[in-house]
Amino acid sequence: MELVFVIDSSESVGPENFEIIKDFVTALVDRVTVGRNATRIGLVLYSLEVRLEFGLNRYTAQQDVKQAIRKMLYMGEGTYTGTAIRKATQEGFFGARTGVRKVAIVLTDGQADKREAVKLDIAVREAHAANIEMYAIGIVNTSDPTQVEFLRELNLIASDPDREHMYLIDDFNTLP
């Protein structure tokens, strides 16, 4: 499998919750066999700035991937989810092996920034056209009526069927 994490590091996440996210992603890495002929992992970190922290070809050992995740620095600022998904599609999956399943896990706690030049629906369409299976993990307060648009975005990001590709969590501390 080719696996790329797309991680929200915006202001609303906060530095404490960012550490929880890093622990969660590290725990997910522990669940796969990392290697040149096994699962290869990449990671895009974003706020207003979008960075490819590492691509699929960078690390071939689980410990190296986990160490790179632990070293990531919190960014703060906005939520450019569309730009991050486009970077994952174009750069994160660069060098993906032919015929190998491509999976992106998008973890975010809020709506995409309205000032963003790359529209979320277009970036998601590009990812789906590239045969990337998209999972959306949203940290969301479902009782807050302003979250309706955020839920719509998570549905858009998640591959069909949504119930198998979208996970809603109401608190960072409940990330497994």
Protein backbone atom coordinates (compact mmCIF):
# COMPACT_ATOMS: atom_id res chain seq x y z
CA MET A 1 0.00 0.00 0.00
CA GLU A 2 1.04 3.58 -0.67
CA LEU A 3 -0.17 5.65 2.31
CA VAL A 4 -0.04 9.43 2.60
CA PHE A 5 -1.21 11.26 5.72
CA VAL A 6 -2.59 14.78 5.23
CA ILE A 7 -2.40 16.44 8.65
CA ASP A 8 -4.06 19.69 9.75
CA SER A 9 -1.66 21.83 11.81
CA SER A 10 -3.83 24.96 11.88
CA GLU A 11 -4.38 27.42 14.70
CA SER A 12 -7.62 25.73 15.82
CA VAL A 13 -5.76 22.45 16.40
CA GLY A 14 -3.38 24.01 18.94
CA PRO A 15 0.06 22.76 19.99
CA GLU A 16 -1.23 20.30 22.64
CA ASN A 17 -3.66 18.62 20.24
CA PHE A 18 -0.97 18.56 17.56
CA GLU A 19 1.08 16.34 19.89
CA ILE A 20 -1.95 14.03 20.26
CA ILE A 21 -2.25 13.87 16.45
CA LYS A 22 1.43 12.91 16.18
CA ASP A 23 0.91 10.11 18.73
CA PHE A 24 -2.16 8.89 16.79
CA VAL A 25 -0.35 8.87 13.43
CA THR A 26 2.63 7.12 15.01
CA ALA A 27 0.27 4.45 16.40
CA LEU A 28 -1.22 3.96 12.91
CA VAL A 29 2.29 3.52 11.48
CA ASP A 30 2.82 0.77 14.08
CA ARG A 31 -0.10 -1.15 12.53
CA VAL A 32 1.48 -1.54 9.09
CA THR A 33 4.62 -3.18 7.80
CA VAL A 34 6.80 -0.41 6.40
CA GLY A 35 9.27 -1.27 3.68
CA ARG A 36 10.30 -0.88 0.07
CA ASN A 37 8.10 -3.84 -0.93
CA ALA A 38 5.46 -3.34 1.76
CA THR A 39 3.65 -0.17 2.90
CA ARG A 40 5.39 3.06 1.97
CA ILE A 41 4.39 6.22 3.83
CA GLY A 42 4.36 9.91 2.99
CA LEU A 43 3.07 12.90 4.93
CA VAL A 44 1.74 16.36 4.06
CA LEU A 45 1.47 18.89 6.90
CA TYR A 46 -0.63 21.99 6.43
CA SER A 47 -2.07 25.23 7.71
CA LEU A 48 -1.81 28.31 5.42
CA GLU A 49 1.49 26.81 4.35
CA VAL A 50 1.47 23.30 2.89
CA ARG A 51 4.58 21.13 3.24
CA LEU A 52 5.48 17.69 1.99
CA GLU A 53 7.26 16.49 5.13
CA PHE A 54 8.35 13.29 3.39
CA GLY A 55 7.38 11.33 0.31
CA LEU A 56 6.86 7.62 -0.28
CA ASN A 57 10.49 6.97 -1.22
CA ARG A 58 12.05 8.73 1.77
CA TYR A 59 11.88 6.09 4.51
CA THR A 60 11.95 2.30 4.31
CA ALA A 61 11.90 1.55 8.04
CA GLN A 62 9.07 2.02 10.52
CA GLN A 63 11.34 3.66 13.12
CA ASP A 64 12.50 6.27 10.61
CA VAL A 65 8.90 7.18 9.70
CA LYS A 66 7.95 7.45 13.38
CA GLN A 67 11.00 9.59 14.16
CA ALA A 68 10.13 11.97 11.29
CA ILE A 69 6.57 12.28 12.62
CA ARG A 70 7.80 13.04 16.14
CA LYS A 71 10.08 15.80 14.78
CA MET A 72 7.27 17.64 12.97
CA LEU A 73 6.70 21.19 14.19
CA TYR A 74 3.29 22.74 14.85
CA MET A 75 2.46 25.45 12.30
CA GLY A 76 -0.65 27.37 13.46
CA GLU A 77 -2.61 29.74 11.16
CA GLY A 78 -5.26 28.76 8.55
CA THR A 79 -6.71 25.57 7.09
CA TYR A 80 -5.79 25.11 3.41
CA THR A 81 -7.19 21.59 3.04
CA GLY A 82 -7.68 21.76 -0.74
CA THR A 83 -4.08 22.80 -1.32
CA ALA A 84 -2.90 20.02 1.01
CA ILE A 85 -4.91 17.35 -0.82
CA ARG A 86 -3.57 18.61 -4.16
CA LYS A 87 0.02 18.44 -2.80
CA ALA A 88 -0.61 14.88 -1.59
CA THR A 89 -1.97 13.90 -5.02
CA GLN A 90 0.81 15.56 -7.03
CA GLU A 91 3.84 15.19 -4.73
CA GLY A 92 2.96 12.89 -1.82
CA PHE A 93 2.11 10.01 -4.15
CA PHE A 94 4.95 10.82 -6.57
CA GLY A 95 6.71 7.58 -7.46
CA ALA A 96 3.77 5.41 -6.36
CA ARG A 97 4.11 1.83 -7.53
CA THR A 98 1.84 0.80 -10.41
CA GLY A 99 -0.99 -1.48 -9.35
CA VAL A 100 -0.50 -0.78 -5.63
CA ARG A 101 -3.40 0.60 -3.58
CA LYS A 102 -3.09 4.35 -2.88
CA VAL A 103 -4.65 5.61 0.37
CA ALA A 104 -4.76 9.12 1.82
CA ILE A 105 -5.87 9.80 5.39
CA VAL A 106 -6.94 13.41 5.91
CA LEU A 107 -7.11 14.47 9.56
CA THR A 108 -8.64 17.89 10.23
CA ASP A 109 -10.62 19.80 12.86
CA GLY A 110 -12.23 22.49 10.74
CA GLN A 111 -13.53 23.85 7.49
CA ALA A 112 -11.21 24.73 4.66
CA ASP A 113 -10.22 28.40 4.66
CA LYS A 114 -12.47 30.43 2.34
CA ARG A 115 -9.46 32.49 1.16
CA GLU A 116 -7.81 29.39 -0.26
CA ALA A 117 -7.10 29.53 -4.00
CA VAL A 118 -7.42 25.76 -4.50
CA LYS A 119 -11.06 24.78 -4.10
CA LEU A 120 -11.60 21.67 -2.00
CA ASP A 121 -14.04 19.99 -4.42
CA ILE A 122 -11.59 20.33 -7.32
CA ALA A 123 -8.65 18.97 -5.28
CA VAL A 124 -10.77 16.01 -4.11
CA ARG A 125 -11.88 15.30 -7.69
CA GLU A 126 -8.21 15.27 -8.78
CA ALA A 127 -7.34 12.81 -5.99
CA HIS A 128 -10.22 10.49 -6.89
CA ALA A 129 -9.25 10.69 -10.59
CA ALA A 130 -5.74 9.55 -9.55
CA ASN A 131 -7.33 6.45 -7.92
CA ILE A 132 -6.52 7.60 -4.40
CA GLU A 133 -8.81 6.13 -1.77
CA MET A 134 -9.57 8.95 0.67
CA TYR A 135 -10.33 8.59 4.37
CA ALA A 136 -11.51 11.62 6.35
CA ILE A 137 -11.06 11.86 10.11
CA GLY A 138 -12.82 14.92 11.45
CA ILE A 139 -12.63 16.27 14.96
CA VAL A 140 -16.07 17.84 15.07
CA ASN A 141 -18.68 19.02 17.56
CA THR A 142 -21.77 17.47 15.93
CA SER A 143 -24.12 19.42 18.22
CA ASP A 144 -22.79 22.75 16.89
CA PRO A 145 -25.03 23.91 13.99
CA THR A 146 -22.13 25.81 12.39
CA GLN A 147 -20.43 22.45 11.80
CA VAL A 148 -22.87 21.49 9.02
CA GLU A 149 -20.56 22.87 6.31
CA PHE A 150 -17.56 21.09 7.87
CA LEU A 151 -19.48 17.79 7.82
CA ARG A 152 -20.31 18.41 4.15
CA GLU A 153 -16.58 18.88 3.45
CA LEU A 154 -15.69 15.65 5.27
CA ASN A 155 -18.32 13.81 3.18
CA LEU A 156 -16.80 15.32 0.05
CA ILE A 157 -13.26 14.25 1.01
CA ALA A 158 -14.21 10.69 1.99
CA SER A 159 -14.34 8.09 -0.78
CA ASP A 160 -17.64 6.27 -1.23
CA PRO A 161 -19.21 4.70 0.69
CA ASP A 162 -18.80 7.51 3.24
CA ARG A 163 -19.68 5.28 6.20
CA GLU A 164 -16.53 3.25 5.51
CA HIS A 165 -14.27 6.23 4.83
CA MET A 166 -15.37 8.97 7.24
CA TYR A 167 -14.79 9.01 10.99
CA LEU A 168 -16.08 11.71 13.31
CA ILE A 169 -14.48 12.29 16.69
CA ASP A 170 -15.71 14.92 19.13
CA ASP A 171 -12.43 15.43 20.99
CA PHE A 172 -8.74 15.02 20.16
CA ASN A 173 -8.33 12.98 23.35
CA THR A 174 -10.60 10.27 21.92
CA LEU A 175 -8.24 9.58 19.01
CA PRO A 176 -7.39 5.90 19.56
